C-alpha atoms as a PDB file:
ATOM      1  CA  MET A   1     -18.106 -10.477  16.438  1.00  0.00           C
ATOM      2  CA  THR A   2     -16.872  -6.788  17.015  1.00  0.00           C
ATOM      3  CA  VAL A   3     -17.824  -5.097  20.718  1.00  0.00           C
ATOM      4  CA  ARG A   4     -18.064  -1.527  20.872  1.00  0.00           C
ATOM      5  CA  CYS A   5     -17.134   0.386  23.892  1.00  0.00           C
ATOM      6  CA  GLY A   6     -17.881   4.341  24.030  1.00  0.00           C
ATOM      7  CA  ASP A   7     -15.549   5.323  20.707  1.00  0.00           C
ATOM      8  CA  THR A   8     -13.832   2.247  20.716  1.00  0.00           C
ATOM      9  CA  LEU A   9     -14.561  -1.042  18.378  1.00  0.00           C
ATOM     10  CA  LEU A  10     -12.915  -3.925  20.112  1.00  0.00           C
ATOM     11  CA  PHE A  11     -12.300  -7.107  17.652  1.00  0.00           C
ATOM     12  CA  GLN A  12     -12.930 -10.475  19.198  1.00  0.00           C
ATOM     13  CA  THR A  13     -11.530 -12.251  16.060  1.00  0.00           C
ATOM     14  CA  LEU A  14      -8.035 -10.104  15.124  1.00  0.00           C
ATOM     15  CA  PRO A  15      -7.909  -8.909  11.712  1.00  0.00           C
ATOM     16  CA  VAL A  16      -4.329  -8.946  10.346  1.00  0.00           C
ATOM     17  CA  ILE A  17      -2.045  -6.576   7.693  1.00  0.00           C
ATOM     18  CA  ALA A  18      -0.807  -9.540   6.093  1.00  0.00           C
ATOM     19  CA  ALA A  19       1.399  -7.243   3.635  1.00  0.00           C
ATOM     20  CA  GLY A  20       2.936  -3.553   3.514  1.00  0.00           C
ATOM     21  CA  ALA A  21       4.652  -1.726   1.054  1.00  0.00           C
ATOM     22  CA  ALA A  22       5.921   1.887   0.986  1.00  0.00           C
ATOM     23  CA  VAL A  23       7.301   3.751  -1.546  1.00  0.00           C
ATOM     24  CA  GLY A  24       8.516   7.423  -1.360  1.00  0.00           C
ATOM     25  CA  GLY A  25      10.825  10.024  -3.622  1.00  0.00           C
ATOM     26  CA  LYS A  26      14.182  11.960  -3.564  1.00  0.00           C
ATOM     27  CA  LYS A  27      13.867  13.562  -0.034  1.00  0.00           C
ATOM     28  CA  GLU A  28      12.693  10.384   2.023  1.00  0.00           C
ATOM     29  CA  SER A  29      15.572   8.665  -0.313  1.00  0.00           C
ATOM     30  CA  GLU A  30      17.726  10.866   1.650  1.00  0.00           C
ATOM     31  CA  GLY A  31      16.349  10.915   5.380  1.00  0.00           C
ATOM     32  CA  PRO A  32      16.864   7.925   8.262  1.00  0.00           C
ATOM     33  CA  LEU A  33      14.579   5.612   7.417  1.00  0.00           C
ATOM     34  CA  ALA A  34      15.398   5.424   3.326  1.00  0.00           C
ATOM     35  CA  ALA A  35      16.338   1.497   4.261  1.00  0.00           C
ATOM     36  CA  GLU A  36      12.818   0.413   5.308  1.00  0.00           C
ATOM     37  CA  PHE A  37      11.312   1.897   2.024  1.00  0.00           C
ATOM     38  CA  ASP A  38      10.436  -1.102  -0.570  1.00  0.00           C
ATOM     39  CA  GLU A  39      10.904   1.600  -3.106  1.00  0.00           C
ATOM     40  CA  LEU A  40      12.676   4.817  -3.847  1.00  0.00           C
ATOM     41  CA  SER A  41      13.118   7.487  -6.590  1.00  0.00           C
ATOM     42  CA  ALA A  42      15.252  10.603  -7.319  1.00  0.00           C
ATOM     43  CA  ASP A  43      12.922  11.326 -10.063  1.00  0.00           C
ATOM     44  CA  ASN A  44       9.941  12.871  -7.774  1.00  0.00           C
ATOM     45  CA  ARG A  45       7.786  13.106 -11.106  1.00  0.00           C
ATOM     46  CA  PHE A  46       8.954   9.326 -11.480  1.00  0.00           C
ATOM     47  CA  GLY A  47       8.651   9.827 -15.189  1.00  0.00           C
ATOM     48  CA  GLN A  48       5.018  11.352 -15.268  1.00  0.00           C
ATOM     49  CA  SER A  49       4.045  14.449 -17.088  1.00  0.00           C
ATOM     50  CA  SER A  50       2.895  16.101 -13.952  1.00  0.00           C
ATOM     51  CA  TRP A  51       2.921  16.129  -9.836  1.00  0.00           C
ATOM     52  CA  GLU A  52      -0.486  15.096  -9.682  1.00  0.00           C
ATOM     53  CA  ALA A  53       0.148  12.192 -12.121  1.00  0.00           C
ATOM     54  CA  ALA A  54       3.310  11.467 -10.457  1.00  0.00           C
ATOM     55  CA  GLU A  55       1.651  11.024  -6.580  1.00  0.00           C
ATOM     56  CA  LYS A  56      -1.153   8.513  -8.590  1.00  0.00           C
ATOM     57  CA  TYR A  57       1.820   6.690  -9.854  1.00  0.00           C
ATOM     58  CA  LEU A  58       3.264   6.310  -6.022  1.00  0.00           C
ATOM     59  CA  GLN A  59      -0.175   4.773  -5.252  1.00  0.00           C
ATOM     60  CA  LEU A  60       0.060   2.386  -7.928  1.00  0.00           C
ATOM     61  CA  ARG A  61       3.124   1.147  -7.088  1.00  0.00           C
ATOM     62  CA  ALA A  62       2.752   0.597  -3.118  1.00  0.00           C
ATOM     63  CA  ALA A  63      -0.340  -1.172  -4.434  1.00  0.00           C
ATOM     64  CA  ARG A  64       1.200  -3.294  -6.786  1.00  0.00           C
ATOM     65  CA  LEU A  65       4.047  -4.260  -4.418  1.00  0.00           C
ATOM     66  CA  CYS A  66       1.826  -4.918  -1.929  1.00  0.00           C
ATOM     67  CA  LEU A  67      -0.343  -7.549  -3.791  1.00  0.00           C
ATOM     68  CA  GLN A  68       3.086  -8.811  -4.962  1.00  0.00           C
ATOM     69  CA  LYS A  69       4.483  -9.422  -1.430  1.00  0.00           C
ATOM     70  CA  ALA A  70       1.904 -11.270  -0.638  1.00  0.00           C
ATOM     71  CA  ALA A  71       1.623 -13.303  -3.599  1.00  0.00           C
ATOM     72  CA  LEU A  72      -1.945 -12.024  -3.883  1.00  0.00           C
ATOM     73  CA  PRO A  73      -3.345 -11.233  -7.711  1.00  0.00           C
ATOM     74  CA  GLN A  74      -4.983  -8.384  -8.194  1.00  0.00           C
ATOM     75  CA  GLU A  75      -8.288 -10.068  -9.286  1.00  0.00           C
ATOM     76  CA  LYS A  76      -8.435 -11.170  -5.287  1.00  0.00           C
ATOM     77  CA  VAL A  77      -8.607  -8.027  -4.180  1.00  0.00           C
ATOM     78  CA  GLN A  78     -12.458  -7.408  -3.270  1.00  0.00           C
ATOM     79  CA  LEU A  79     -11.847  -3.733  -1.739  1.00  0.00           C
ATOM     80  CA  ALA A  80      -9.434  -0.854  -2.205  1.00  0.00           C
ATOM     81  CA  LEU A  81     -10.075   1.744   0.651  1.00  0.00           C
ATOM     82  CA  ALA A  82      -7.603   4.901  -0.626  1.00  0.00           C
ATOM     83  CA  GLY A  83      -7.220   8.389  -0.204  1.00  0.00           C
ATOM     84  CA  ASP A  84      -4.441  11.154  -0.608  1.00  0.00           C
ATOM     85  CA  LEU A  85      -4.853  15.743  -0.834  1.00  0.00           C
ATOM     86  CA  GLN A  86      -5.845  15.912  -4.317  1.00  0.00           C
ATOM     87  CA  ALA A  87      -9.361  17.668  -4.258  1.00  0.00           C
ATOM     88  CA  GLN A  88     -11.464  15.305  -4.955  1.00  0.00           C
ATOM     89  CA  CYS A  89      -8.991  12.463  -4.293  1.00  0.00           C
ATOM     90  CA  THR A  90      -8.068  12.015  -7.434  1.00  0.00           C
ATOM     91  CA  ALA A  91      -4.590  10.405  -7.453  1.00  0.00           C
ATOM     92  CA  SER A  92      -6.349   7.428  -5.336  1.00  0.00           C
ATOM     93  CA  SER A  93      -8.723   7.485  -7.903  1.00  0.00           C
ATOM     94  CA  TYR A  94      -6.865   7.601 -10.844  1.00  0.00           C
ATOM     95  CA  ALA A  95      -4.661   4.754  -9.443  1.00  0.00           C
ATOM     96  CA  MET A  96      -7.542   2.436  -9.015  1.00  0.00           C
ATOM     97  CA  ARG A  97      -8.856   3.089 -12.500  1.00  0.00           C
ATOM     98  CA  GLU A  98      -5.440   1.166 -13.488  1.00  0.00           C
ATOM     99  CA  LEU A  99      -5.849  -1.340 -10.670  1.00  0.00           C
ATOM    100  CA  GLY A 100      -9.597  -2.304 -11.498  1.00  0.00           C
ATOM    101  CA  VAL A 101     -10.995  -3.878  -8.295  1.00  0.00           C
ATOM    102  CA  PRO A 102     -13.952  -2.085  -6.082  1.00  0.00           C
ATOM    103  CA  PHE A 103     -13.035   1.240  -4.548  1.00  0.00           C
ATOM    104  CA  ALA A 104     -14.442   3.242  -1.914  1.00  0.00           C
ATOM    105  CA  GLY A 105     -12.487   6.778  -1.806  1.00  0.00           C
ATOM    106  CA  LEU A 106     -11.724   8.165   1.720  1.00  0.00           C
ATOM    107  CA  PHE A 107     -10.155  11.748   2.839  1.00  0.00           C
ATOM    108  CA  GLY A 108      -9.582  11.922   6.323  1.00  0.00           C
ATOM    109  CA  ALA A 109      -6.523  14.151   5.021  1.00  0.00           C
ATOM    110  CA  CYS A 110      -3.373  13.221   6.989  1.00  0.00           C
ATOM    111  CA  SER A 111      -5.386  11.096   9.328  1.00  0.00           C
ATOM    112  CA  THR A 112      -6.516   8.885   6.305  1.00  0.00           C
ATOM    113  CA  MET A 113      -4.204   5.698   7.114  1.00  0.00           C
ATOM    114  CA  ALA A 114      -5.476   5.158  10.437  1.00  0.00           C
ATOM    115  CA  GLU A 115      -8.801   5.572   9.072  1.00  0.00           C
ATOM    116  CA  GLY A 116      -8.728   3.199   6.192  1.00  0.00           C
ATOM    117  CA  LEU A 117      -7.178   0.516   8.700  1.00  0.00           C
ATOM    118  CA  ALA A 118      -9.755   1.096  11.362  1.00  0.00           C
ATOM    119  CA  LEU A 119     -12.423   0.702   8.496  1.00  0.00           C
ATOM    120  CA  GLY A 120     -10.770  -1.984   6.942  1.00  0.00           C
ATOM    121  CA  ALA A 121     -10.673  -4.042   9.984  1.00  0.00           C
ATOM    122  CA  ALA A 122     -14.443  -3.571  10.935  1.00  0.00           C
ATOM    123  CA  LEU A 123     -15.242  -4.962   7.281  1.00  0.00           C
ATOM    124  CA  CYS A 124     -12.714  -7.584   7.245  1.00  0.00           C
ATOM    125  CA  GLU A 125     -14.063  -8.948  10.718  1.00  0.00           C
ATOM    126  CA  GLY A 126     -17.523  -8.471  10.247  1.00  0.00           C
ATOM    127  CA  GLY A 127     -17.285 -10.946   7.175  1.00  0.00           C
ATOM    128  CA  ALA A 128     -17.603  -8.050   4.716  1.00  0.00           C
ATOM    129  CA  ALA A 129     -14.216  -8.586   2.889  1.00  0.00           C
ATOM    130  CA  ARG A 130     -11.643 -11.078   2.612  1.00  0.00           C
ATOM    131  CA  ASN A 131      -8.593  -9.109   0.866  1.00  0.00           C
ATOM    132  CA  LEU A 132      -8.573  -5.380   1.588  1.00  0.00           C
ATOM    133  CA  LEU A 133      -6.257  -2.586   0.441  1.00  0.00           C
ATOM    134  CA  ALA A 134      -6.344   0.360   2.805  1.00  0.00           C
ATOM    135  CA  MET A 135      -3.831   2.856   1.540  1.00  0.00           C
ATOM    136  CA  ALA A 136      -2.935   6.856   1.481  1.00  0.00           C
ATOM    137  CA  SER A 137      -0.577   8.724  -0.289  1.00  0.00           C
ATOM    138  CA  SER A 138       0.592  12.720  -0.452  1.00  0.00           C
ATOM    139  CA  HIS A 139       3.225  14.750  -3.026  1.00  0.00           C
ATOM    140  CA  PHE A 140       5.179  17.300  -1.510  1.00  0.00           C
ATOM    141  CA  CYS A 141       4.764  19.755  -5.141  1.00  0.00           C
ATOM    142  CA  ALA A 142       0.715  18.557  -5.395  1.00  0.00           C
ATOM    143  CA  ALA A 143       0.130  19.747  -2.091  1.00  0.00           C
ATOM    144  CA  GLU A 144       2.141  22.932  -2.287  1.00  0.00           C
ATOM    145  CA  ARG A 145       0.589  23.913  -5.455  1.00  0.00           C
ATOM    146  CA  GLN A 146      -2.827  23.303  -4.002  1.00  0.00           C
ATOM    147  CA  PHE A 147      -2.806  24.097  -0.571  1.00  0.00           C
ATOM    148  CA  ARG A 148      -0.119  27.472  -0.557  1.00  0.00           C
ATOM    149  CA  THR A 149       1.859  28.570  -3.346  1.00  0.00           C
ATOM    150  CA  PRO A 150       3.402  27.241  -6.343  1.00  0.00           C
ATOM    151  CA  LEU A 151       6.931  26.232  -6.073  1.00  0.00           C
ATOM    152  CA  SER A 152       8.554  28.618  -8.401  1.00  0.00           C
ATOM    153  CA  TYR A 153       7.233  31.485  -5.668  1.00  0.00           C
ATOM    154  CA  GLY A 154      10.149  30.643  -3.790  1.00  0.00           C
ATOM    155  CA  ALA A 155       8.157  31.477  -0.686  1.00  0.00           C
ATOM    156  CA  VAL A 156       9.827  31.723   2.843  1.00  0.00           C
ATOM    157  CA  ARG A 157       8.690  28.590   5.334  1.00  0.00           C
ATOM    158  CA  THR A 158       8.084  29.406   8.531  1.00  0.00           C
ATOM    159  CA  PRO A 159       9.881  27.257  11.912  1.00  0.00           C
ATOM    160  CA  THR A 160       6.428  25.687  12.736  1.00  0.00           C
ATOM    161  CA  ALA A 161       5.616  24.566   8.897  1.00  0.00           C
ATOM    162  CA  GLN A 162       6.260  20.763   7.781  1.00  0.00           C
ATOM    163  CA  TRP A 163       7.129  19.427   5.046  1.00  0.00           C
ATOM    164  CA  THR A 164       4.447  17.150   3.208  1.00  0.00           C
ATOM    165  CA  ALA A 165       6.156  13.702   2.406  1.00  0.00           C
ATOM    166  CA  THR A 166       6.388  12.428  -1.217  1.00  0.00           C
ATOM    167  CA  ALA A 167       5.504   8.953  -0.252  1.00  0.00           C
ATOM    168  CA  ALA A 168       2.436   6.219  -0.297  1.00  0.00           C
ATOM    169  CA  GLY A 169       1.427   3.102   2.101  1.00  0.00           C
ATOM    170  CA  CYS A 170      -0.615   0.163   1.046  1.00  0.00           C
ATOM    171  CA  CYS A 171      -1.755  -2.693   3.518  1.00  0.00           C
ATOM    172  CA  LEU A 172      -3.288  -5.993   2.638  1.00  0.00           C
ATOM    173  CA  LEU A 173      -6.017  -6.964   5.072  1.00  0.00           C
ATOM    174  CA  GLN A 174      -7.340  -9.945   6.035  1.00  0.00           C
ATOM    175  CA  PRO A 175      -9.954 -11.044   8.568  1.00  0.00           C
ATOM    176  CA  GLN A 176      -7.466 -13.881   9.916  1.00  0.00           C
ATOM    177  CA  GLY A 177      -4.088 -15.573   9.362  1.00  0.00           C
ATOM    178  CA  GLU A 178      -0.560 -14.433   9.885  1.00  0.00           C
ATOM    179  CA  GLY A 179       0.303 -10.626  10.090  1.00  0.00           C
ATOM    180  CA  VAL A 180       0.373  -7.833  12.745  1.00  0.00           C
ATOM    181  CA  GLY A 181      -3.310  -7.907  14.410  1.00  0.00           C
ATOM    182  CA  ILE A 182      -5.773  -5.044  14.643  1.00  0.00           C
ATOM    183  CA  ALA A 183      -7.122  -5.349  17.945  1.00  0.00           C
ATOM    184  CA  ALA A 184      -9.292  -2.268  18.269  1.00  0.00           C
ATOM    185  CA  ALA A 185      -9.950   1.134  16.314  1.00  0.00           C
ATOM    186  CA  THR A 186     -11.228   4.768  17.765  1.00  0.00           C
ATOM    187  CA  PHE A 187     -12.720   7.034  15.197  1.00  0.00           C
ATOM    188  CA  GLY A 188     -12.027  10.574  16.598  1.00  0.00           C
ATOM    189  CA  ARG A 189     -14.146  13.471  17.243  1.00  0.00           C
ATOM    190  CA  VAL A 190     -13.493  16.293  15.217  1.00  0.00           C
ATOM    191  CA  GLN A 191     -11.486  19.245  17.021  1.00  0.00           C
ATOM    192  CA  ASP A 192     -11.074  22.993  16.688  1.00  0.00           C
ATOM    193  CA  TYR A 193      -8.908  25.365  18.703  1.00  0.00           C
ATOM    194  CA  GLN A 194      -9.388  28.207  16.484  1.00  0.00           C
ATOM    195  CA  VAL A 195      -6.167  27.810  14.580  1.00  0.00           C
ATOM    196  CA  LYS A 196      -6.241  29.658  11.286  1.00  0.00           C
ATOM    197  CA  ASP A 197      -2.408  29.558   9.879  1.00  0.00           C
ATOM    198  CA  ILE A 198      -1.943  27.140   7.529  1.00  0.00           C
ATOM    199  CA  ASN A 199       1.705  26.789   8.165  1.00  0.00           C
ATOM    200  CA  ASN A 200       1.223  25.500  11.864  1.00  0.00           C
ATOM    201  CA  MET A 201      -0.594  22.239  11.667  1.00  0.00           C
ATOM    202  CA  GLY A 202       0.993  20.674  14.470  1.00  0.00           C
ATOM    203  CA  ALA A 203      -1.199  23.094  16.203  1.00  0.00           C
ATOM    204  CA  ALA A 204      -4.126  22.115  14.442  1.00  0.00           C
ATOM    205  CA  MET A 205      -3.908  18.537  15.225  1.00  0.00           C
ATOM    206  CA  ALA A 206      -2.478  18.261  18.460  1.00  0.00           C
ATOM    207  CA  PRO A 207      -5.969  18.190  20.006  1.00  0.00           C
ATOM    208  CA  ALA A 208      -7.384  15.879  18.301  1.00  0.00           C
ATOM    209  CA  ALA A 209      -4.660  13.151  18.846  1.00  0.00           C
ATOM    210  CA  ALA A 210      -5.115  13.870  22.481  1.00  0.00           C
ATOM    211  CA  SER A 211      -8.976  13.493  22.234  1.00  0.00           C
ATOM    212  CA  THR A 212      -8.870  10.375  20.611  1.00  0.00           C
ATOM    213  CA  LEU A 213      -5.968   9.119  22.603  1.00  0.00           C
ATOM    214  CA  LEU A 214      -8.561  10.038  25.972  1.00  0.00           C
ATOM    215  CA  HIS A 215     -11.235   8.374  24.465  1.00  0.00           C
ATOM    216  CA  TYR A 216      -9.360   5.370  23.859  1.00  0.00           C
ATOM    217  CA  PHE A 217      -7.713   4.854  27.216  1.00  0.00           C
ATOM    218  CA  LYS A 218     -11.308   5.557  29.007  1.00  0.00           C
ATOM    219  CA  ASP A 219     -12.963   3.304  26.451  1.00  0.00           C
ATOM    220  CA  THR A 220     -10.224   0.212  27.121  1.00  0.00           C
ATOM    221  CA  GLY A 221      -9.300   0.573  30.940  1.00  0.00           C
ATOM    222  CA  THR A 222      -5.540   1.145  29.670  1.00  0.00           C
ATOM    223  CA  GLU A 223      -2.688   3.400  30.194  1.00  0.00           C
ATOM    224  CA  PRO A 224      -0.104   4.195  27.811  1.00  0.00           C
ATOM    225  CA  GLN A 225       3.036   2.766  29.815  1.00  0.00           C
ATOM    226  CA  GLU A 226       1.138  -0.492  28.963  1.00  0.00           C
ATOM    227  CA  PHE A 227       2.329  -0.020  24.791  1.00  0.00           C
ATOM    228  CA  ASP A 228       5.709  -0.143  23.664  1.00  0.00           C
ATOM    229  CA  CYS A 229       5.477   2.845  21.354  1.00  0.00           C
ATOM    230  CA  ILE A 230       2.376   5.738  20.920  1.00  0.00           C
ATOM    231  CA  TYR A 231       2.866   6.789  17.368  1.00  0.00           C
ATOM    232  CA  THR A 232       1.254   9.922  16.049  1.00  0.00           C
ATOM    233  CA  GLY A 233       0.651  10.652  12.361  1.00  0.00           C
ATOM    234  CA  ASP A 234       2.436  13.679  11.502  1.00  0.00           C
ATOM    235  CA  LEU A 235       2.322  16.431  14.418  1.00  0.00           C
ATOM    236  CA  GLY A 236       5.690  17.291  13.366  1.00  0.00           C
ATOM    237  CA  GLN A 237       7.767  18.947  16.539  1.00  0.00           C
ATOM    238  CA  VAL A 238       5.559  21.686  17.742  1.00  0.00           C
ATOM    239  CA  GLY A 239       2.702  19.162  17.709  1.00  0.00           C
ATOM    240  CA  SER A 240       4.480  16.623  19.571  1.00  0.00           C
ATOM    241  CA  GLN A 241       5.236  19.102  22.505  1.00  0.00           C
ATOM    242  CA  LEU A 242       1.314  20.143  22.430  1.00  0.00           C
ATOM    243  CA  LEU A 243       0.367  16.957  22.739  1.00  0.00           C
ATOM    244  CA  ARG A 244       2.432  16.074  25.597  1.00  0.00           C
ATOM    245  CA  GLU A 245       1.274  19.275  27.294  1.00  0.00           C
ATOM    246  CA  LEU A 246      -2.479  18.530  26.645  1.00  0.00           C
ATOM    247  CA  LEU A 247      -1.992  15.350  28.099  1.00  0.00           C
ATOM    248  CA  ALA A 248      -0.176  15.947  30.716  1.00  0.00           C
ATOM    249  CA  ALA A 249      -3.019  18.298  31.522  1.00  0.00           C
ATOM    250  CA  GLU A 250      -4.920  15.532  31.201  1.00  0.00           C
ATOM    251  CA  GLY A 251      -2.605  13.431  34.066  1.00  0.00           C
ATOM    252  CA  LEU A 252      -1.434  11.315  31.164  1.00  0.00           C
ATOM    253  CA  LEU A 253       2.568  11.940  30.933  1.00  0.00           C
ATOM    254  CA  ILE A 254       3.456   9.958  28.072  1.00  0.00           C
ATOM    255  CA  LYS A 255       7.038   8.593  27.441  1.00  0.00           C
ATOM    256  CA  ASN A 256       6.801   6.095  24.743  1.00  0.00           C
ATOM    257  CA  HIS A 257       5.128   8.695  22.207  1.00  0.00           C
ATOM    258  CA  VAL A 258       7.153   9.087  18.649  1.00  0.00           C
ATOM    259  CA  ASP A 259       5.512  10.983  15.722  1.00  0.00           C
ATOM    260  CA  CYS A 260       5.995   9.311  12.150  1.00  0.00           C
ATOM    261  CA  GLY A 261       6.840  13.476  11.136  1.00  0.00           C
ATOM    262  CA  CYS A 262       9.715  13.789  13.320  1.00  0.00           C
ATOM    263  CA  ILE A 263      11.860  10.288  12.064  1.00  0.00           C
ATOM    264  CA  LEU A 264      10.634  10.256   8.707  1.00  0.00           C
ATOM    265  CA  PHE A 265      13.398  12.984   8.046  1.00  0.00           C
ATOM    266  CA  ASP A 266      16.554  14.834   9.555  1.00  0.00           C
ATOM    267  CA  ALA A 267      14.989  18.125  10.745  1.00  0.00           C
ATOM    268  CA  ASN A 268      18.781  19.045  11.387  1.00  0.00           C
ATOM    269  CA  GLU A 269      19.541  18.034   7.828  1.00  0.00           C
ATOM    270  CA  GLN A 270      16.678  18.462   5.547  1.00  0.00           C
ATOM    271  CA  SER A 271      15.394  22.074   6.442  1.00  0.00           C
ATOM    272  CA  VAL A 272      11.872  20.188   6.797  1.00  0.00           C
ATOM    273  CA  LYS A 273      11.476  22.964   9.441  1.00  0.00           C
ATOM    274  CA  SER A 274       8.672  21.262  11.973  1.00  0.00           C
ATOM    275  CA  GLY A 275       8.903  18.064  10.699  1.00  0.00           C
ATOM    276  CA  GLY A 276       7.080  15.344   8.141  1.00  0.00           C
ATOM    277  CA  SER A 277       3.549  15.702   6.963  1.00  0.00           C
ATOM    278  CA  GLY A 278       0.689  14.337   4.529  1.00  0.00           C
ATOM    279  CA  PRO A 279      -1.250  11.180   4.449  1.00  0.00           C
ATOM    280  CA  GLY A 280       1.660   9.245   2.841  1.00  0.00           C
ATOM    281  CA  CYS A 281       4.431  10.379   5.727  1.00  0.00           C
ATOM    282  CA  CYS A 282       2.595   8.016   8.491  1.00  0.00           C
ATOM    283  CA  ALA A 283       1.629   5.558   6.105  1.00  0.00           C
ATOM    284  CA  ALA A 284       4.862   4.995   4.692  1.00  0.00           C
ATOM    285  CA  VAL A 285       6.507   4.931   8.067  1.00  0.00           C
ATOM    286  CA  LEU A 286       3.738   2.197   9.547  1.00  0.00           C
ATOM    287  CA  CYS A 287       5.048  -0.080   6.170  1.00  0.00           C
ATOM    288  CA  GLY A 288       8.328   0.125   5.857  1.00  0.00           C
ATOM    289  CA  HIS A 289       9.152   0.738  10.130  1.00  0.00           C
ATOM    290  CA  ILE A 290       6.268   0.119  12.540  1.00  0.00           C
ATOM    291  CA  LEU A 291       4.693  -2.972  10.746  1.00  0.00           C
ATOM    292  CA  PRO A 292       8.489  -4.525  10.656  1.00  0.00           C
ATOM    293  CA  ARG A 293       9.204  -4.199  13.926  1.00  0.00           C
ATOM    294  CA  LEU A 294       5.923  -5.835  14.953  1.00  0.00           C
ATOM    295  CA  ARG A 295       6.847  -8.414  12.969  1.00  0.00           C
ATOM    296  CA  ARG A 296      10.083  -9.281  14.191  1.00  0.00           C
ATOM    297  CA  GLY A 297       8.581  -9.288  17.592  1.00  0.00           C
ATOM    298  CA  SER A 298      10.754  -6.354  18.969  1.00  0.00           C
ATOM    299  CA  GLN A 299       7.610  -4.352  19.508  1.00  0.00           C
ATOM    300  CA  LYS A 300       4.346  -6.141  21.034  1.00  0.00           C
ATOM    301  CA  ARG A 301       2.031  -3.689  21.067  1.00  0.00           C
ATOM    302  CA  VAL A 302       1.329  -0.303  19.894  1.00  0.00           C
ATOM    303  CA  LEU A 303      -0.955   2.748  18.907  1.00  0.00           C
ATOM    304  CA  PHE A 304      -0.816   4.013  15.596  1.00  0.00           C
ATOM    305  CA  THR A 305      -2.957   7.388  15.504  1.00  0.00           C
ATOM    306  CA  ALA A 306      -3.097   9.282  12.657  1.00  0.00           C
ATOM    307  CA  THR A 307      -4.186  13.317  12.725  1.00  0.00           C
ATOM    308  CA  GLY A 308      -5.813  14.961   9.787  1.00  0.00           C
ATOM    309  CA  ALA A 309      -6.309  18.901   9.283  1.00  0.00           C
ATOM    310  CA  LEU A 310      -9.465  18.861   7.404  1.00  0.00           C
ATOM    311  CA  MET A 311      -8.917  22.381   6.054  1.00  0.00           C
ATOM    312  CA  SER A 312      -9.847  22.672   2.195  1.00  0.00           C
ATOM    313  CA  GLN A 313      -7.949  25.362  -0.335  1.00  0.00           C
ATOM    314  CA  THR A 314     -11.813  27.473  -0.275  1.00  0.00           C
ATOM    315  CA  THR A 315     -12.522  27.107   3.516  1.00  0.00           C
ATOM    316  CA  PHE A 316      -8.413  28.810   4.108  1.00  0.00           C
ATOM    317  CA  LEU A 317      -9.086  31.321   1.758  1.00  0.00           C
ATOM    318  CA  GLN A 318     -12.577  32.254   3.369  1.00  0.00           C
ATOM    319  CA  LYS A 319      -9.773  32.649   6.765  1.00  0.00           C
ATOM    320  CA  GLU A 320     -11.941  30.008   8.497  1.00  0.00           C
ATOM    321  CA  THR A 321     -10.242  27.967  11.384  1.00  0.00           C
ATOM    322  CA  ILE A 322      -8.857  24.792  10.967  1.00  0.00           C
ATOM    323  CA  PRO A 323     -10.973  21.303  12.270  1.00  0.00           C
ATOM    324  CA  ALA A 324      -8.899  18.299  12.966  1.00  0.00           C
ATOM    325  CA  VAL A 325      -9.312  14.560  13.662  1.00  0.00           C
ATOM    326  CA  ALA A 326      -7.260  11.507  14.802  1.00  0.00           C
ATOM    327  CA  HIS A 327      -8.371   8.059  13.977  1.00  0.00           C
ATOM    328  CA  LEU A 328      -6.542   5.053  16.234  1.00  0.00           C
ATOM    329  CA  VAL A 329      -5.844   1.610  15.921  1.00  0.00           C
ATOM    330  CA  GLU A 330      -4.230  -0.822  18.227  1.00  0.00           C
ATOM    331  CA  LEU A 331      -1.925  -3.081  16.578  1.00  0.00           C
ATOM    332  CA  ARG A 332      -0.284  -6.764  17.873  1.00  0.00           C
ATOM    333  CA  ALA A 333       2.546  -8.434  16.870  1.00  0.00           C
ATOM    334  CA  PRO A 334       1.694 -11.801  15.515  1.00  0.00           C
ATOM    335  CA  GLU A 335       0.866 -14.686  17.930  1.00  0.00           C
ATOM    336  CA  LYS A 336       4.194 -17.732  18.233  1.00  0.00           C
ATOM    337  CA  GLU A 337       3.065 -20.802  17.242  1.00  0.00           C
ATOM    338  CA  LYS A 338       3.719 -23.323  20.369  1.00  0.00           C
END
């Protein structure tokens, strides 16, 4: 039975991530993590007629690769939890139209992957699902068209701006068995530090990451140094520095922090300014980079904290501030058989 401590769920029987798959586009294929993707394409349209259709393909391909790696037919999937940045999560909905499995759409912006893992783990541990997919995606061109300006405008990017990943990640969750264990989940509280700059997502999201981490440490009685790594979703360089400052003000000095948005791309060589972002950023890094380290045992215990800015294209035009949320899961390496 799941035990609740404050904002954190502690799973007594650890649900597992039995398989994961990451798919990416052209810029991801030129980045430092290229070799860790299951599939990459030099064509950001993936043979589709639009950027939006390309993102649907991304997510569908990640799901099918994940199931293929698990040797599980899609007919045995009992639920898919998925989300993206497109209005009304259409990339996920259209992908699920083709996959044909029970589907619940999620919107946590760039925090969606951790949200899906946390909800999925709770459903698996509670006996509501035996085979559950948690996935998220994003597409640079679709996101720019929706939230900023079409690429043909040639708008100048500010130093604080981040590059939305053209990527998707998918995990297969099961109640128990072989795989990376999900030991705990903390659902975040919405934070708003009155940031209005849509080109500075790191500043908007850093307070949410700090809040969720502080709640997790308080709820579990743990300290940062107990973990091999504390991963955040996509704060980028600006947001990562702000996170460290916010935690330092609370007396926590973290030296084991890695941001997915800072390692997906090479900021010096790829012109991504502050780093990567988007739901697909941390989802792909999780499936291609983090999970393999846990499976190999080179890392034993990590925190995966995905952050999301919760504005819409309408609230941005209305000059609203940008609220943000962060969700967290504690991941553990598979136990070795004695």
